[in-house]
Amino acid sequence: MLSFFSKHKGKVKWLAILLVICCISIVLSNYWIDSSTRSQLYSDVTLIPARKVGLVLGASKNTNRGTHNLYFTYRIQAAYQLFKAHKIQYLLLSGDNHIKGYDEPSDMREALIALGVPDSCIVLDYAGFRTLDSVVRCNEVFGEDSITIVSQEFHNQRALFIANKNNIHAIGFNAQEVNKNYSFKTRVREYFARVKCVLDIYVLYTSPKFLGKKIHIGK
């Protein structure tokens, strides 16, 4: 073992440096996103200010195992709660549908209509491939710069961080959290997603995959 480290001392050194940089990036990115968006989050429907549009971030209806996805279920419940309380007038459902048989916006629409939300109050965005796409398109394509974002708290924080950088006046309504055992993999991915978020905004200057013609909500 000692001979191995002696032989590859240079490689081991650089690997250790990269590991330290990675850990620091994760910690700083998470702290930055958490601290800069904390005041924009709401969990009580009676306290959240009213906005014209609620941006509901997409999730798959079912898990890979074929069971109901609690992230999806709780976001739909949160969106309906806001609509029923007259805290939003329109729901912009943004998600992915680039694979045949997989359509997040349409699945969300069906679930909300089943709860009693009129179809006339629902707008679909089929190009919300990433959180960045969903948030930026809400402004660039749909012309909304004052919105309520609907998702779980950890996801809302990242979406709000993106909105803030793009001069979108956004607040977040937190859907019910999923228990830690159920959400472990998602939580781990979120740490790295936040590093990618910071890089996209401040280093790579990433834009949505698609923009397209303007669509006006409620006109």
Protein backbone atom coordinates (compact mmCIF):
# COMPACT_ATOMS: atom_id res chain seq x y z
CA MET A 1 0.00 0.00 0.00
CA LEU A 2 2.81 2.41 0.90
CA SER A 3 4.59 1.63 -2.35
CA PHE A 4 1.40 2.41 -4.27
CA PHE A 5 1.09 5.85 -2.67
CA SER A 6 4.77 6.53 -3.25
CA LYS A 7 4.44 5.59 -6.91
CA HIS A 8 1.31 7.67 -7.47
CA LYS A 9 2.04 10.47 -5.02
CA GLY A 10 1.37 13.22 -7.57
CA LYS A 11 -1.97 11.78 -8.67
CA VAL A 12 -3.09 11.21 -5.08
CA LYS A 13 -2.18 14.80 -4.21
CA TRP A 14 -4.26 16.24 -7.06
CA LEU A 15 -7.13 13.89 -6.28
CA ALA A 16 -7.13 15.11 -2.68
CA ILE A 17 -7.09 18.74 -3.84
CA LEU A 18 -10.03 18.13 -6.18
CA LEU A 19 -11.93 16.41 -3.38
CA VAL A 20 -11.38 19.38 -1.06
CA ILE A 21 -12.47 21.83 -3.77
CA CYS A 22 -15.58 19.75 -4.42
CA CYS A 23 -16.50 19.68 -0.73
CA ILE A 24 -15.96 23.43 -0.33
CA SER A 25 -18.04 24.12 -3.45
CA ILE A 26 -20.92 22.04 -2.11
CA VAL A 27 -20.87 23.72 1.31
CA LEU A 28 -20.60 27.28 -0.05
CA SER A 29 -23.22 26.78 -2.78
CA ASN A 30 -25.72 25.33 -0.35
CA TYR A 31 -25.10 28.07 2.21
CA TRP A 32 -25.42 30.80 -0.43
CA ILE A 33 -28.69 29.46 -1.82
CA ASP A 34 -30.17 28.78 1.63
CA SER A 35 -29.29 32.14 3.16
CA SER A 36 -30.21 34.31 0.17
CA THR A 37 -33.72 32.88 -0.31
CA ARG A 38 -34.88 32.17 3.24
CA SER A 39 -37.04 35.32 3.50
CA GLN A 40 -38.90 34.47 0.29
CA LEU A 41 -40.35 31.17 1.49
CA TYR A 42 -43.84 30.52 2.84
CA SER A 43 -45.50 27.41 4.23
CA ASP A 44 -48.74 28.97 5.51
CA VAL A 45 -51.27 29.75 2.78
CA THR A 46 -52.86 32.45 4.93
CA LEU A 47 -49.61 34.42 5.12
CA ILE A 48 -48.36 34.28 1.56
CA PRO A 49 -49.05 37.35 -0.62
CA ALA A 50 -51.36 36.92 -3.60
CA ARG A 51 -49.83 36.76 -7.08
CA LYS A 52 -51.34 36.38 -10.53
CA VAL A 53 -49.35 33.27 -11.54
CA GLY A 54 -48.13 30.24 -9.66
CA LEU A 55 -45.27 28.38 -11.34
CA VAL A 56 -45.55 24.70 -10.46
CA LEU A 57 -42.27 22.88 -11.04
CA GLY A 58 -42.60 19.51 -12.71
CA ALA A 59 -42.09 16.05 -11.30
CA SER A 60 -42.87 12.62 -12.65
CA LYS A 61 -46.28 11.27 -11.68
CA ASN A 62 -44.87 7.85 -10.78
CA THR A 63 -41.55 6.60 -9.45
CA ASN A 64 -39.29 4.18 -11.33
CA ARG A 65 -40.91 1.41 -9.30
CA GLY A 66 -44.35 2.34 -10.58
CA THR A 67 -45.63 3.79 -7.30
CA HIS A 68 -47.12 7.26 -6.89
CA ASN A 69 -44.45 9.95 -6.63
CA LEU A 70 -45.02 11.88 -3.41
CA TYR A 71 -43.17 14.91 -4.76
CA PHE A 72 -45.74 15.13 -7.54
CA THR A 73 -48.70 14.51 -5.22
CA TYR A 74 -47.66 17.11 -2.64
CA ARG A 75 -46.91 19.78 -5.27
CA ILE A 76 -50.34 19.32 -6.80
CA GLN A 77 -51.93 19.62 -3.36
CA ALA A 78 -49.96 22.80 -2.64
CA ALA A 79 -50.90 24.35 -5.98
CA TYR A 80 -54.56 23.56 -5.41
CA GLN A 81 -54.38 24.99 -1.91
CA LEU A 82 -53.07 28.29 -3.26
CA PHE A 83 -55.68 28.42 -6.00
CA LYS A 84 -58.55 27.58 -3.67
CA ALA A 85 -57.42 30.33 -1.26
CA HIS A 86 -57.35 32.85 -4.17
CA LYS A 87 -53.61 33.38 -3.68
CA ILE A 88 -53.00 32.74 -7.38
CA GLN A 89 -55.23 33.19 -10.43
CA TYR A 90 -53.40 31.02 -12.94
CA LEU A 91 -51.22 27.94 -12.69
CA LEU A 92 -48.27 27.63 -15.05
CA LEU A 93 -47.32 23.96 -15.09
CA SER A 94 -43.74 23.58 -16.27
CA GLY A 95 -42.05 20.27 -16.90
CA ASP A 96 -40.54 17.76 -19.28
CA ASN A 97 -42.28 15.84 -22.06
CA HIS A 98 -39.44 15.10 -24.48
CA ILE A 99 -39.86 11.32 -24.21
CA LYS A 100 -42.91 9.58 -25.65
CA GLY A 101 -45.25 8.51 -22.85
CA TYR A 102 -43.67 10.91 -20.34
CA ASP A 103 -45.51 14.22 -19.96
CA GLU A 104 -45.15 16.07 -16.66
CA PRO A 105 -47.24 19.18 -17.57
CA SER A 106 -50.19 17.14 -18.86
CA ASP A 107 -50.11 14.84 -15.84
CA MET A 108 -50.17 17.87 -13.53
CA ARG A 109 -53.04 19.39 -15.50
CA GLU A 110 -55.14 16.22 -15.20
CA ALA A 111 -54.50 16.02 -11.46
CA LEU A 112 -55.48 19.66 -10.88
CA ILE A 113 -58.62 19.44 -13.03
CA ALA A 114 -59.62 16.36 -11.02
CA LEU A 115 -59.42 18.53 -7.89
CA GLY A 116 -61.65 21.19 -9.44
CA VAL A 117 -59.27 23.74 -10.98
CA PRO A 118 -60.81 25.08 -14.24
CA ASP A 119 -58.87 24.29 -17.38
CA SER A 120 -59.09 27.98 -18.31
CA CYS A 121 -56.84 28.78 -15.33
CA ILE A 122 -54.13 26.32 -16.37
CA VAL A 123 -51.24 27.02 -18.75
CA LEU A 124 -48.76 24.35 -19.82
CA ASP A 125 -45.03 24.79 -20.46
CA TYR A 126 -43.65 21.69 -22.14
CA ALA A 127 -40.07 23.00 -22.27
CA GLY A 128 -39.33 23.07 -18.55
CA PHE A 129 -36.55 20.53 -18.93
CA ARG A 130 -34.65 21.94 -15.94
CA THR A 131 -35.48 24.24 -13.07
CA LEU A 132 -33.49 27.00 -14.77
CA ASP A 133 -35.55 26.56 -17.96
CA SER A 134 -38.83 26.69 -16.05
CA VAL A 135 -37.98 29.84 -14.11
CA VAL A 136 -36.40 31.82 -16.95
CA ARG A 137 -39.09 30.83 -19.47
CA CYS A 138 -41.77 32.02 -17.04
CA ASN A 139 -40.39 35.51 -17.59
CA GLU A 140 -38.93 35.39 -21.11
CA VAL A 141 -41.73 33.43 -22.79
CA PHE A 142 -44.79 33.98 -20.61
CA GLY A 143 -43.94 37.55 -19.59
CA GLU A 144 -44.38 37.08 -15.84
CA ASP A 145 -41.92 38.81 -13.50
CA SER A 146 -43.89 38.50 -10.25
CA ILE A 147 -44.64 34.86 -9.43
CA THR A 148 -45.17 32.26 -6.75
CA ILE A 149 -43.06 29.15 -7.22
CA VAL A 150 -44.55 25.88 -5.98
CA SER A 151 -42.38 22.92 -5.00
CA GLN A 152 -40.74 21.38 -1.94
CA GLU A 153 -38.67 23.82 0.14
CA PHE A 154 -35.23 22.62 -0.99
CA HIS A 155 -36.30 22.91 -4.64
CA ASN A 156 -37.97 26.28 -4.10
CA GLN A 157 -34.72 27.65 -2.71
CA ARG A 158 -32.80 26.79 -5.87
CA ALA A 159 -35.58 28.10 -8.10
CA LEU A 160 -35.73 31.37 -6.15
CA PHE A 161 -31.97 31.75 -6.43
CA ILE A 162 -32.33 31.53 -10.21
CA ALA A 163 -35.26 33.94 -10.19
CA ASN A 164 -33.34 36.50 -8.13
CA LYS A 165 -30.42 36.49 -10.55
CA ASN A 166 -32.83 37.04 -13.45
CA ASN A 167 -34.63 39.97 -11.77
CA ILE A 168 -37.85 38.02 -11.31
CA HIS A 169 -39.82 39.00 -8.21
CA ALA A 170 -40.55 35.55 -6.86
CA ILE A 171 -41.72 33.97 -3.65
CA GLY A 172 -41.98 30.27 -2.90
CA PHE A 173 -44.79 28.22 -1.43
CA ASN A 174 -43.47 25.04 0.15
CA ALA A 175 -45.27 21.83 -0.67
CA GLN A 176 -45.34 19.14 2.01
CA GLU A 177 -41.95 17.57 2.58
CA VAL A 178 -41.27 13.93 1.83
CA ASN A 179 -39.81 11.78 4.61
CA LYS A 180 -36.03 11.42 4.66
CA ASN A 181 -35.94 7.70 3.86
CA TYR A 182 -38.08 8.24 0.76
CA SER A 183 -36.13 11.29 -0.40
CA PHE A 184 -32.51 10.33 0.40
CA LYS A 185 -31.31 10.05 -3.22
CA THR A 186 -33.10 13.25 -4.21
CA ARG A 187 -31.52 15.14 -1.31
CA VAL A 188 -28.03 13.93 -2.23
CA ARG A 189 -28.55 14.97 -5.87
CA GLU A 190 -29.73 18.39 -4.69
CA TYR A 191 -26.34 19.17 -3.14
CA PHE A 192 -24.68 18.73 -6.52
CA ALA A 193 -27.55 20.43 -8.36
CA ARG A 194 -26.88 23.56 -6.31
CA VAL A 195 -23.23 23.63 -7.33
CA LYS A 196 -24.33 23.24 -10.94
CA CYS A 197 -26.87 26.04 -10.41
CA VAL A 198 -24.17 28.46 -9.26
CA LEU A 199 -21.93 27.48 -12.17
CA ASP A 200 -24.76 27.87 -14.67
CA ILE A 201 -25.55 31.38 -13.48
CA TYR A 202 -22.15 32.87 -12.68
CA VAL A 203 -19.68 30.90 -14.82
CA LEU A 204 -21.39 29.20 -17.77
CA TYR A 205 -24.19 31.77 -18.27
CA THR A 206 -26.54 28.96 -19.23
CA SER A 207 -29.76 29.79 -21.08
CA PRO A 208 -32.91 27.66 -21.45
CA LYS A 209 -32.78 25.03 -24.15
CA PHE A 210 -35.76 26.62 -25.90
CA LEU A 211 -37.43 30.01 -25.70
CA GLY A 212 -39.85 30.65 -28.56
CA LYS A 213 -42.71 33.03 -29.21
CA LYS A 214 -44.32 35.04 -26.43
CA ILE A 215 -47.38 33.60 -24.71
CA HIS A 216 -49.56 35.86 -22.58
CA ILE A 217 -51.32 34.40 -19.54
CA GLY A 218 -54.86 35.55 -18.87
CA LYS A 219 -55.20 37.75 -21.95
